[in-house]
């Protein structure tokens, strides 16, 4: 998003640890707004078996009355599909940024059709680590997954994914008020 707002800096706080994914989404969004008093909330919801439009509408309805803009981030399958688009970021998150082994990542325009993006991502992280069998057993794919976005410098490959394109457009509209 830096390319859209080069003069703005963003501070991100993950509320998922403080506001567990239990209970009604409306209650959780209001709790985040009250506890953190953010300028903007990005609400991640995987589309899963719902359509992108239906899941986005659920977020909009749940956000009614929240004191700040709420932007829906709705991957067509699951968030891990978005993380599969940057090989260098995956290698860096696996603590092997100079690795050379082929990760066999899907092309960005095929990611939304993957049956299990999380499995694909975790496999890519294990391969990217290039660890031996003993050390691989101790490798934490979940921790590595959470680091991937820290290493992504170019989100443009994701623009072929309908969920990401919708999220980016909504985020830009919401963030323009701060520019």
N, C-alpha and C. Protein backbone atom coordinates (compact mmCIF):
# COMPACT_ATOMS: atom_id res chain seq x y z
N UNK A 1 0.82 -1.19 0.00
CA UNK A 1 0.00 0.00 0.00
C UNK A 1 0.86 1.26 0.00
N UNK A 2 2.16 1.08 0.25
CA UNK A 2 3.06 2.23 0.29
C UNK A 2 3.03 3.01 -1.01
N UNK A 3 2.87 2.33 -2.14
CA UNK A 3 2.86 3.02 -3.43
C UNK A 3 1.66 3.95 -3.56
N UNK A 4 0.57 3.66 -2.85
CA UNK A 4 -0.61 4.51 -2.90
C UNK A 4 -0.55 5.68 -1.92
N UNK A 5 0.20 5.50 -0.86
CA UNK A 5 0.29 6.52 0.19
C UNK A 5 1.74 6.69 0.63
N UNK A 6 2.60 7.21 -0.24
CA UNK A 6 4.02 7.29 0.11
C UNK A 6 4.31 8.22 1.28
N UNK A 7 3.40 9.16 1.58
CA UNK A 7 3.64 10.11 2.67
C UNK A 7 2.99 9.69 3.99
N UNK A 8 2.30 8.57 3.98
CA UNK A 8 1.66 8.09 5.21
C UNK A 8 2.45 6.92 5.77
N UNK A 9 2.50 6.86 7.07
CA UNK A 9 3.07 5.67 7.69
C UNK A 9 1.93 4.95 8.40
N UNK A 10 2.00 3.64 8.37
CA UNK A 10 0.96 2.82 8.97
C UNK A 10 1.56 2.05 10.13
N UNK A 11 0.82 2.02 11.21
CA UNK A 11 1.19 1.20 12.36
C UNK A 11 0.12 0.12 12.48
N UNK A 12 0.54 -1.10 12.47
CA UNK A 12 -0.39 -2.21 12.49
C UNK A 12 -0.38 -2.88 13.85
N UNK A 13 -1.57 -3.10 14.36
CA UNK A 13 -1.73 -3.83 15.61
C UNK A 13 -2.65 -5.01 15.30
N UNK A 14 -2.19 -6.21 15.60
CA UNK A 14 -3.02 -7.39 15.40
C UNK A 14 -3.86 -7.60 16.65
N UNK A 15 -5.15 -7.44 16.49
CA UNK A 15 -6.05 -7.57 17.63
C UNK A 15 -6.46 -9.01 17.89
N UNK A 16 -6.07 -9.93 17.00
CA UNK A 16 -6.54 -11.30 17.12
C UNK A 16 -6.13 -11.96 18.44
N UNK A 17 -5.04 -11.55 19.03
CA UNK A 17 -4.62 -12.14 20.29
C UNK A 17 -5.43 -11.59 21.48
N UNK A 18 -5.91 -10.38 21.35
CA UNK A 18 -6.68 -9.75 22.42
C UNK A 18 -8.18 -9.94 22.25
N UNK A 19 -8.61 -10.12 21.01
CA UNK A 19 -10.03 -10.30 20.71
C UNK A 19 -10.15 -11.63 19.96
N UNK A 20 -10.32 -12.73 20.71
CA UNK A 20 -10.36 -14.04 20.06
C UNK A 20 -11.51 -14.15 19.06
N UNK A 21 -11.33 -15.03 18.09
CA UNK A 21 -12.33 -15.23 17.04
C UNK A 21 -13.49 -16.06 17.57
N UNK A 22 -14.09 -15.60 18.64
CA UNK A 22 -15.26 -16.24 19.23
C UNK A 22 -16.33 -15.19 19.39
N UNK A 23 -17.55 -15.59 19.27
CA UNK A 23 -18.64 -14.65 19.44
C UNK A 23 -18.97 -13.94 18.13
N UNK A 24 -19.95 -13.08 18.20
CA UNK A 24 -20.44 -12.38 17.02
C UNK A 24 -19.40 -11.40 16.49
N UNK A 25 -19.29 -11.32 15.18
CA UNK A 25 -18.33 -10.41 14.56
C UNK A 25 -18.62 -8.96 14.95
N UNK A 26 -19.88 -8.59 15.06
CA UNK A 26 -20.24 -7.23 15.47
C UNK A 26 -19.62 -6.89 16.81
N UNK A 27 -19.75 -7.80 17.77
CA UNK A 27 -19.19 -7.57 19.11
C UNK A 27 -17.67 -7.43 19.05
N UNK A 28 -17.03 -8.27 18.24
CA UNK A 28 -15.57 -8.23 18.15
C UNK A 28 -15.10 -6.93 17.52
N UNK A 29 -15.78 -6.47 16.47
CA UNK A 29 -15.39 -5.21 15.83
C UNK A 29 -15.57 -4.03 16.78
N UNK A 30 -16.66 -4.02 17.52
CA UNK A 30 -16.88 -2.94 18.49
C UNK A 30 -15.83 -2.99 19.61
N UNK A 31 -15.45 -4.20 20.04
CA UNK A 31 -14.42 -4.33 21.07
C UNK A 31 -13.08 -3.79 20.57
N UNK A 32 -12.72 -4.14 19.33
CA UNK A 32 -11.48 -3.62 18.74
C UNK A 32 -11.52 -2.09 18.67
N UNK A 33 -12.63 -1.55 18.21
CA UNK A 33 -12.77 -0.09 18.09
C UNK A 33 -12.66 0.58 19.46
N UNK A 34 -13.30 0.00 20.47
CA UNK A 34 -13.27 0.60 21.81
C UNK A 34 -11.92 0.43 22.49
N UNK A 35 -11.32 -0.76 22.38
CA UNK A 35 -10.07 -1.04 23.09
C UNK A 35 -8.86 -0.35 22.44
N UNK A 36 -8.84 -0.30 21.13
CA UNK A 36 -7.65 0.20 20.42
C UNK A 36 -7.83 1.61 19.86
N UNK A 37 -9.06 2.04 19.69
CA UNK A 37 -9.38 3.34 19.09
C UNK A 37 -8.56 3.58 17.82
N UNK A 38 -8.67 2.66 16.86
CA UNK A 38 -7.88 2.78 15.62
C UNK A 38 -8.49 3.80 14.67
N UNK A 39 -7.68 4.23 13.72
CA UNK A 39 -8.20 5.08 12.65
C UNK A 39 -8.95 4.24 11.62
N UNK A 40 -8.56 2.97 11.52
CA UNK A 40 -9.13 2.08 10.50
C UNK A 40 -8.96 0.64 10.98
N UNK A 41 -9.95 -0.18 10.72
CA UNK A 41 -9.88 -1.60 11.05
C UNK A 41 -9.89 -2.39 9.75
N UNK A 42 -8.97 -3.33 9.63
CA UNK A 42 -9.00 -4.30 8.53
C UNK A 42 -9.51 -5.60 9.16
N UNK A 43 -10.64 -6.06 8.67
CA UNK A 43 -11.28 -7.26 9.20
C UNK A 43 -11.07 -8.40 8.22
N UNK A 44 -10.25 -9.36 8.61
CA UNK A 44 -9.97 -10.52 7.77
C UNK A 44 -11.02 -11.60 8.00
N UNK A 45 -11.63 -12.03 6.91
CA UNK A 45 -12.57 -13.16 6.93
C UNK A 45 -12.34 -13.97 5.67
N UNK A 46 -11.97 -15.22 5.79
CA UNK A 46 -11.85 -16.07 4.61
C UNK A 46 -13.23 -16.29 4.02
N UNK A 47 -13.33 -16.28 2.71
CA UNK A 47 -14.62 -16.52 2.05
C UNK A 47 -15.08 -17.95 2.29
N UNK A 48 -14.13 -18.88 2.27
CA UNK A 48 -14.41 -20.30 2.45
C UNK A 48 -15.53 -20.74 1.51
N UNK A 49 -16.66 -21.14 2.03
CA UNK A 49 -17.75 -21.62 1.17
C UNK A 49 -18.71 -20.52 0.75
N UNK A 50 -18.53 -19.33 1.26
CA UNK A 50 -19.36 -18.18 0.89
C UNK A 50 -18.76 -17.51 -0.34
N UNK A 51 -19.55 -16.70 -1.00
CA UNK A 51 -19.00 -15.91 -2.09
C UNK A 51 -18.26 -14.72 -1.51
N UNK A 52 -17.39 -14.15 -2.32
CA UNK A 52 -16.65 -12.95 -1.90
C UNK A 52 -17.63 -11.85 -1.51
N UNK A 53 -18.65 -11.64 -2.33
CA UNK A 53 -19.64 -10.58 -2.06
C UNK A 53 -20.41 -10.85 -0.77
N UNK A 54 -20.81 -12.09 -0.55
CA UNK A 54 -21.57 -12.42 0.66
C UNK A 54 -20.74 -12.20 1.91
N UNK A 55 -19.49 -12.63 1.88
CA UNK A 55 -18.63 -12.46 3.06
C UNK A 55 -18.33 -10.98 3.30
N UNK A 56 -18.10 -10.23 2.24
CA UNK A 56 -17.86 -8.79 2.37
C UNK A 56 -19.09 -8.10 2.95
N UNK A 57 -20.28 -8.49 2.49
CA UNK A 57 -21.52 -7.93 3.04
C UNK A 57 -21.67 -8.25 4.53
N UNK A 58 -21.25 -9.44 4.95
CA UNK A 58 -21.30 -9.80 6.37
C UNK A 58 -20.42 -8.86 7.19
N UNK A 59 -19.24 -8.55 6.67
CA UNK A 59 -18.34 -7.65 7.39
C UNK A 59 -18.96 -6.25 7.44
N UNK A 60 -19.50 -5.78 6.33
CA UNK A 60 -20.13 -4.45 6.31
C UNK A 60 -21.28 -4.37 7.32
N UNK A 61 -22.11 -5.39 7.36
CA UNK A 61 -23.24 -5.39 8.29
C UNK A 61 -22.75 -5.41 9.74
N UNK A 62 -21.73 -6.21 10.01
CA UNK A 62 -21.19 -6.30 11.37
C UNK A 62 -20.52 -4.99 11.79
N UNK A 63 -20.03 -4.23 10.82
CA UNK A 63 -19.33 -2.98 11.12
C UNK A 63 -20.27 -1.80 11.34
N UNK A 64 -21.55 -2.01 11.15
CA UNK A 64 -22.52 -0.92 11.33
C UNK A 64 -22.41 -0.37 12.75
N UNK A 65 -22.19 0.92 12.86
CA UNK A 65 -22.09 1.56 14.15
C UNK A 65 -20.69 1.61 14.74
N UNK A 66 -19.72 0.99 14.07
CA UNK A 66 -18.33 1.06 14.54
C UNK A 66 -17.82 2.47 14.24
N UNK A 67 -17.07 3.04 15.17
CA UNK A 67 -16.68 4.45 15.11
C UNK A 67 -15.60 4.78 14.09
N UNK A 68 -15.08 3.82 13.36
CA UNK A 68 -14.06 4.08 12.36
C UNK A 68 -14.35 3.22 11.13
N UNK A 69 -13.72 3.53 10.00
CA UNK A 69 -13.93 2.69 8.82
C UNK A 69 -13.45 1.25 9.06
N UNK A 70 -14.20 0.31 8.52
CA UNK A 70 -13.85 -1.11 8.59
C UNK A 70 -13.73 -1.62 7.15
N UNK A 71 -12.56 -2.13 6.82
CA UNK A 71 -12.29 -2.65 5.48
C UNK A 71 -12.25 -4.17 5.55
N UNK A 72 -13.00 -4.81 4.68
CA UNK A 72 -13.02 -6.27 4.62
C UNK A 72 -11.84 -6.78 3.80
N UNK A 73 -11.09 -7.70 4.36
CA UNK A 73 -10.02 -8.41 3.65
C UNK A 73 -10.49 -9.85 3.51
N UNK A 74 -10.97 -10.19 2.32
CA UNK A 74 -11.62 -11.49 2.12
C UNK A 74 -10.93 -12.28 1.01
N UNK A 75 -9.99 -13.14 1.38
CA UNK A 75 -9.42 -14.04 0.38
C UNK A 75 -10.49 -15.05 -0.06
N UNK A 76 -10.50 -15.40 -1.34
CA UNK A 76 -11.50 -16.32 -1.86
C UNK A 76 -11.43 -17.66 -1.14
N UNK A 77 -10.26 -18.15 -0.86
CA UNK A 77 -10.12 -19.40 -0.11
C UNK A 77 -9.75 -19.07 1.34
N UNK A 78 -8.48 -18.80 1.52
CA UNK A 78 -7.98 -18.46 2.85
C UNK A 78 -6.77 -17.55 2.70
N UNK A 79 -6.43 -16.87 3.77
CA UNK A 79 -5.36 -15.88 3.75
C UNK A 79 -4.06 -16.44 3.20
N UNK A 80 -3.78 -17.69 3.47
CA UNK A 80 -2.52 -18.29 3.01
C UNK A 80 -2.37 -18.22 1.50
N UNK A 81 -3.49 -18.15 0.78
CA UNK A 81 -3.39 -18.05 -0.68
C UNK A 81 -2.68 -16.75 -1.07
N UNK A 82 -2.95 -15.68 -0.36
CA UNK A 82 -2.29 -14.40 -0.66
C UNK A 82 -0.80 -14.47 -0.37
N UNK A 83 -0.42 -15.27 0.59
CA UNK A 83 0.99 -15.36 0.99
C UNK A 83 1.82 -16.21 0.04
N UNK A 84 1.19 -16.95 -0.83
CA UNK A 84 1.90 -17.80 -1.79
C UNK A 84 2.45 -17.04 -2.99
N UNK A 85 2.18 -15.76 -3.09
CA UNK A 85 2.53 -15.00 -4.29
C UNK A 85 3.95 -14.44 -4.30
N UNK A 86 4.68 -14.55 -3.21
CA UNK A 86 6.01 -13.94 -3.15
C UNK A 86 7.05 -14.95 -2.67
N UNK A 87 7.77 -15.54 -3.61
CA UNK A 87 8.76 -16.56 -3.29
C UNK A 87 9.85 -16.04 -2.37
N UNK A 88 10.34 -14.84 -2.63
CA UNK A 88 11.42 -14.27 -1.81
C UNK A 88 10.95 -14.08 -0.36
N UNK A 89 9.72 -13.62 -0.19
CA UNK A 89 9.18 -13.43 1.16
C UNK A 89 9.05 -14.77 1.89
N UNK A 90 8.64 -15.81 1.18
CA UNK A 90 8.54 -17.14 1.78
C UNK A 90 9.92 -17.63 2.22
N UNK A 91 10.90 -17.47 1.35
CA UNK A 91 12.26 -17.89 1.70
C UNK A 91 12.78 -17.11 2.92
N UNK A 92 12.53 -15.82 2.94
CA UNK A 92 12.98 -15.00 4.07
C UNK A 92 12.29 -15.41 5.36
N UNK A 93 11.00 -15.66 5.29
CA UNK A 93 10.25 -16.08 6.48
C UNK A 93 10.73 -17.44 6.98
N UNK A 94 11.25 -18.26 6.07
CA UNK A 94 11.79 -19.58 6.43
C UNK A 94 13.25 -19.48 6.88
N UNK A 95 13.74 -18.26 7.06
CA UNK A 95 15.12 -18.00 7.49
C UNK A 95 16.15 -18.57 6.52
N UNK A 96 15.84 -18.48 5.22
CA UNK A 96 16.77 -18.96 4.20
C UNK A 96 16.59 -18.10 2.94
N UNK A 97 16.84 -16.81 3.08
CA UNK A 97 16.56 -15.87 1.99
C UNK A 97 17.39 -16.13 0.74
N UNK A 98 18.51 -16.81 0.86
CA UNK A 98 19.34 -17.10 -0.31
C UNK A 98 19.16 -18.51 -0.85
N UNK A 99 18.12 -19.19 -0.40
CA UNK A 99 17.87 -20.56 -0.85
C UNK A 99 17.62 -20.63 -2.35
N UNK A 100 17.90 -21.77 -2.90
CA UNK A 100 17.78 -21.95 -4.36
C UNK A 100 16.85 -23.10 -4.76
N UNK A 101 16.46 -23.94 -3.82
CA UNK A 101 15.63 -25.09 -4.16
C UNK A 101 14.28 -24.61 -4.71
N UNK A 102 13.77 -25.30 -5.72
CA UNK A 102 12.50 -24.94 -6.35
C UNK A 102 11.35 -25.15 -5.37
N UNK A 103 10.52 -24.12 -5.18
CA UNK A 103 9.40 -24.22 -4.26
C UNK A 103 8.12 -24.68 -4.95
N UNK A 104 8.14 -24.74 -6.27
CA UNK A 104 6.98 -25.18 -7.05
C UNK A 104 5.72 -24.41 -6.67
N UNK A 105 5.87 -23.09 -6.54
CA UNK A 105 4.72 -22.25 -6.20
C UNK A 105 3.79 -22.11 -7.39
N UNK A 106 2.49 -22.05 -7.12
CA UNK A 106 1.54 -21.84 -8.22
C UNK A 106 1.64 -20.42 -8.76
N UNK A 107 1.26 -20.23 -9.99
CA UNK A 107 1.21 -18.88 -10.57
C UNK A 107 0.14 -18.08 -9.83
N UNK A 108 0.35 -16.77 -9.65
CA UNK A 108 -0.62 -15.96 -8.89
C UNK A 108 -2.06 -16.08 -9.39
N UNK A 109 -2.25 -16.23 -10.70
CA UNK A 109 -3.63 -16.30 -11.20
C UNK A 109 -4.29 -17.66 -10.93
N UNK A 110 -3.54 -18.62 -10.37
CA UNK A 110 -4.08 -19.95 -10.05
C UNK A 110 -4.27 -20.14 -8.55
N UNK A 111 -3.78 -19.21 -7.76
CA UNK A 111 -3.78 -19.38 -6.31
C UNK A 111 -5.20 -19.49 -5.74
N UNK A 112 -6.12 -18.68 -6.24
CA UNK A 112 -7.48 -18.70 -5.70
C UNK A 112 -8.18 -20.03 -5.93
N UNK A 113 -7.72 -20.82 -6.87
CA UNK A 113 -8.38 -22.10 -7.16
C UNK A 113 -7.76 -23.27 -6.41
N UNK A 114 -6.74 -23.03 -5.60
CA UNK A 114 -6.12 -24.11 -4.83
C UNK A 114 -7.10 -24.68 -3.80
N UNK A 115 -7.10 -25.99 -3.67
CA UNK A 115 -8.00 -26.63 -2.70
C UNK A 115 -7.58 -26.33 -1.26
N UNK A 116 -6.27 -26.31 -0.99
CA UNK A 116 -5.78 -26.11 0.38
C UNK A 116 -4.54 -25.23 0.38
N UNK A 117 -4.72 -23.90 0.26
CA UNK A 117 -3.57 -23.00 0.23
C UNK A 117 -2.69 -23.08 1.48
N UNK A 118 -3.29 -23.35 2.63
CA UNK A 118 -2.49 -23.45 3.86
C UNK A 118 -1.50 -24.60 3.75
N UNK A 119 -1.94 -25.74 3.28
CA UNK A 119 -1.06 -26.89 3.11
C UNK A 119 0.05 -26.56 2.10
N UNK A 120 -0.32 -25.91 1.00
CA UNK A 120 0.66 -25.52 -0.02
C UNK A 120 1.70 -24.57 0.57
N UNK A 121 1.24 -23.60 1.36
CA UNK A 121 2.16 -22.62 1.95
C UNK A 121 3.08 -23.28 2.97
N UNK A 122 2.53 -24.09 3.85
CA UNK A 122 3.36 -24.75 4.85
C UNK A 122 4.39 -25.66 4.20
N UNK A 123 4.01 -26.34 3.14
CA UNK A 123 4.95 -27.18 2.40
C UNK A 123 6.05 -26.32 1.78
N UNK A 124 5.66 -25.19 1.18
CA UNK A 124 6.65 -24.28 0.57
C UNK A 124 7.62 -23.75 1.63
N UNK A 125 7.12 -23.43 2.80
CA UNK A 125 7.99 -22.95 3.88
C UNK A 125 8.98 -24.02 4.32
N UNK A 126 8.51 -25.25 4.45
CA UNK A 126 9.41 -26.34 4.84
C UNK A 126 10.49 -26.55 3.77
N UNK A 127 10.09 -26.55 2.51
CA UNK A 127 11.05 -26.72 1.42
C UNK A 127 12.04 -25.56 1.42
N UNK A 128 11.52 -24.34 1.55
CA UNK A 128 12.37 -23.14 1.52
C UNK A 128 13.38 -23.13 2.65
N UNK A 129 13.05 -23.73 3.76
CA UNK A 129 13.97 -23.74 4.91
C UNK A 129 15.24 -24.54 4.60
N UNK A 130 15.12 -25.54 3.73
CA UNK A 130 16.22 -26.44 3.36
C UNK A 130 16.85 -27.09 4.59
N UNK A 131 16.04 -27.31 5.61
CA UNK A 131 16.54 -27.95 6.83
C UNK A 131 16.56 -29.46 6.67
N UNK A 132 17.48 -30.08 7.37
CA UNK A 132 17.53 -31.54 7.42
C UNK A 132 16.35 -32.07 8.22
N UNK A 133 16.14 -33.37 8.17
CA UNK A 133 14.98 -34.00 8.79
C UNK A 133 14.85 -33.68 10.28
N UNK A 134 15.94 -33.76 11.03
CA UNK A 134 15.87 -33.50 12.48
C UNK A 134 15.48 -32.06 12.78
N UNK A 135 16.13 -31.13 12.13
CA UNK A 135 15.82 -29.71 12.38
C UNK A 135 14.47 -29.33 11.81
N UNK A 136 14.05 -29.98 10.73
CA UNK A 136 12.75 -29.69 10.12
C UNK A 136 11.60 -30.04 11.07
N UNK A 137 11.79 -31.07 11.90
CA UNK A 137 10.74 -31.44 12.86
C UNK A 137 10.47 -30.31 13.85
N UNK A 138 11.48 -29.48 14.11
CA UNK A 138 11.33 -28.37 15.04
C UNK A 138 10.92 -27.06 14.35
N UNK A 139 10.85 -27.08 13.03
CA UNK A 139 10.51 -25.88 12.26
C UNK A 139 9.05 -25.52 12.52
N UNK A 140 8.79 -24.26 12.83
CA UNK A 140 7.45 -23.79 13.16
C UNK A 140 6.86 -23.05 11.95
N UNK A 141 6.05 -23.76 11.17
CA UNK A 141 5.45 -23.16 9.98
C UNK A 141 4.52 -22.00 10.33
N UNK A 142 3.81 -22.12 11.44
CA UNK A 142 2.89 -21.06 11.85
C UNK A 142 3.63 -19.75 12.13
N UNK A 143 4.76 -19.86 12.82
CA UNK A 143 5.56 -18.66 13.10
C UNK A 143 6.09 -18.08 11.80
N UNK A 144 6.59 -18.95 10.94
CA UNK A 144 7.13 -18.49 9.66
C UNK A 144 6.03 -17.83 8.82
N UNK A 145 4.84 -18.42 8.80
CA UNK A 145 3.72 -17.84 8.05
C UNK A 145 3.44 -16.42 8.52
N UNK A 146 3.46 -16.21 9.83
CA UNK A 146 3.15 -14.89 10.36
C UNK A 146 4.21 -13.84 9.99
N UNK A 147 5.37 -14.28 9.55
CA UNK A 147 6.44 -13.36 9.18
C UNK A 147 6.43 -12.97 7.70
N UNK A 148 5.72 -13.70 6.88
CA UNK A 148 5.80 -13.49 5.43
C UNK A 148 5.46 -12.06 5.03
N UNK A 149 4.40 -11.49 5.56
CA UNK A 149 4.02 -10.14 5.14
C UNK A 149 5.08 -9.10 5.47
N UNK A 150 5.92 -9.38 6.46
CA UNK A 150 7.01 -8.45 6.79
C UNK A 150 8.03 -8.36 5.66
N UNK A 151 8.06 -9.37 4.80
CA UNK A 151 9.07 -9.42 3.74
C UNK A 151 8.51 -9.11 2.35
N UNK A 152 7.20 -8.99 2.22
CA UNK A 152 6.61 -8.69 0.90
C UNK A 152 6.84 -7.22 0.59
N UNK A 153 7.47 -6.95 -0.53
CA UNK A 153 7.74 -5.57 -0.96
C UNK A 153 6.84 -5.16 -2.13
N UNK A 154 6.29 -6.13 -2.84
CA UNK A 154 5.49 -5.84 -4.03
C UNK A 154 4.23 -6.70 -3.99
N UNK A 155 3.10 -6.06 -3.78
CA UNK A 155 1.84 -6.77 -3.72
C UNK A 155 1.16 -6.88 -5.09
N UNK A 156 1.78 -6.32 -6.13
CA UNK A 156 1.14 -6.31 -7.44
C UNK A 156 0.79 -7.70 -7.99
N UNK A 157 1.56 -8.76 -7.73
CA UNK A 157 1.14 -10.07 -8.24
C UNK A 157 -0.22 -10.52 -7.69
N UNK A 158 -0.60 -9.99 -6.54
CA UNK A 158 -1.88 -10.37 -5.95
C UNK A 158 -3.08 -9.71 -6.62
N UNK A 159 -2.83 -8.72 -7.44
CA UNK A 159 -3.94 -7.99 -8.06
C UNK A 159 -4.73 -8.84 -9.05
N UNK A 160 -4.23 -9.99 -9.43
CA UNK A 160 -5.00 -10.90 -10.29
C UNK A 160 -6.01 -11.69 -9.48
N UNK A 161 -5.94 -11.61 -8.16
CA UNK A 161 -6.88 -12.31 -7.29
C UNK A 161 -8.03 -11.38 -6.93
N UNK A 162 -9.24 -11.82 -7.18
CA UNK A 162 -10.41 -10.96 -6.98
C UNK A 162 -10.53 -10.49 -5.53
N UNK A 163 -10.26 -11.36 -4.58
CA UNK A 163 -10.36 -10.96 -3.18
C UNK A 163 -9.38 -9.87 -2.81
N UNK A 164 -8.14 -10.01 -3.28
CA UNK A 164 -7.14 -8.99 -2.97
C UNK A 164 -7.46 -7.68 -3.66
N UNK A 165 -7.88 -7.74 -4.92
CA UNK A 165 -8.22 -6.51 -5.65
C UNK A 165 -9.34 -5.75 -4.96
N UNK A 166 -10.35 -6.47 -4.49
CA UNK A 166 -11.45 -5.83 -3.77
C UNK A 166 -10.96 -5.22 -2.46
N UNK A 167 -10.12 -5.96 -1.74
CA UNK A 167 -9.56 -5.44 -0.48
C UNK A 167 -8.74 -4.18 -0.74
N UNK A 168 -7.85 -4.23 -1.73
CA UNK A 168 -6.98 -3.08 -2.00
C UNK A 168 -7.80 -1.85 -2.35
N UNK A 169 -8.81 -2.01 -3.20
CA UNK A 169 -9.65 -0.86 -3.60
C UNK A 169 -10.37 -0.28 -2.38
N UNK A 170 -10.91 -1.15 -1.53
CA UNK A 170 -11.61 -0.68 -0.33
C UNK A 170 -10.65 0.00 0.64
N UNK A 171 -9.47 -0.57 0.79
CA UNK A 171 -8.48 0.02 1.69
C UNK A 171 -8.06 1.41 1.19
N UNK A 172 -7.82 1.53 -0.10
CA UNK A 172 -7.42 2.82 -0.66
C UNK A 172 -8.50 3.86 -0.43
N UNK A 173 -9.76 3.49 -0.70
CA UNK A 173 -10.88 4.44 -0.47
C UNK A 173 -10.93 4.87 0.99
N UNK A 174 -10.80 3.92 1.91
CA UNK A 174 -10.87 4.25 3.34
C UNK A 174 -9.69 5.08 3.79
N UNK A 175 -8.49 4.76 3.31
CA UNK A 175 -7.29 5.45 3.76
C UNK A 175 -7.11 6.83 3.13
N UNK A 176 -7.80 7.10 2.04
CA UNK A 176 -7.67 8.42 1.40
C UNK A 176 -8.10 9.55 2.31
N UNK A 177 -8.95 9.26 3.26
CA UNK A 177 -9.38 10.31 4.19
C UNK A 177 -8.25 10.79 5.09
N UNK A 178 -7.18 9.99 5.19
CA UNK A 178 -6.05 10.37 6.04
C UNK A 178 -4.93 11.05 5.25
N UNK A 179 -5.05 11.07 3.95
CA UNK A 179 -4.00 11.61 3.08
C UNK A 179 -4.07 13.12 3.01
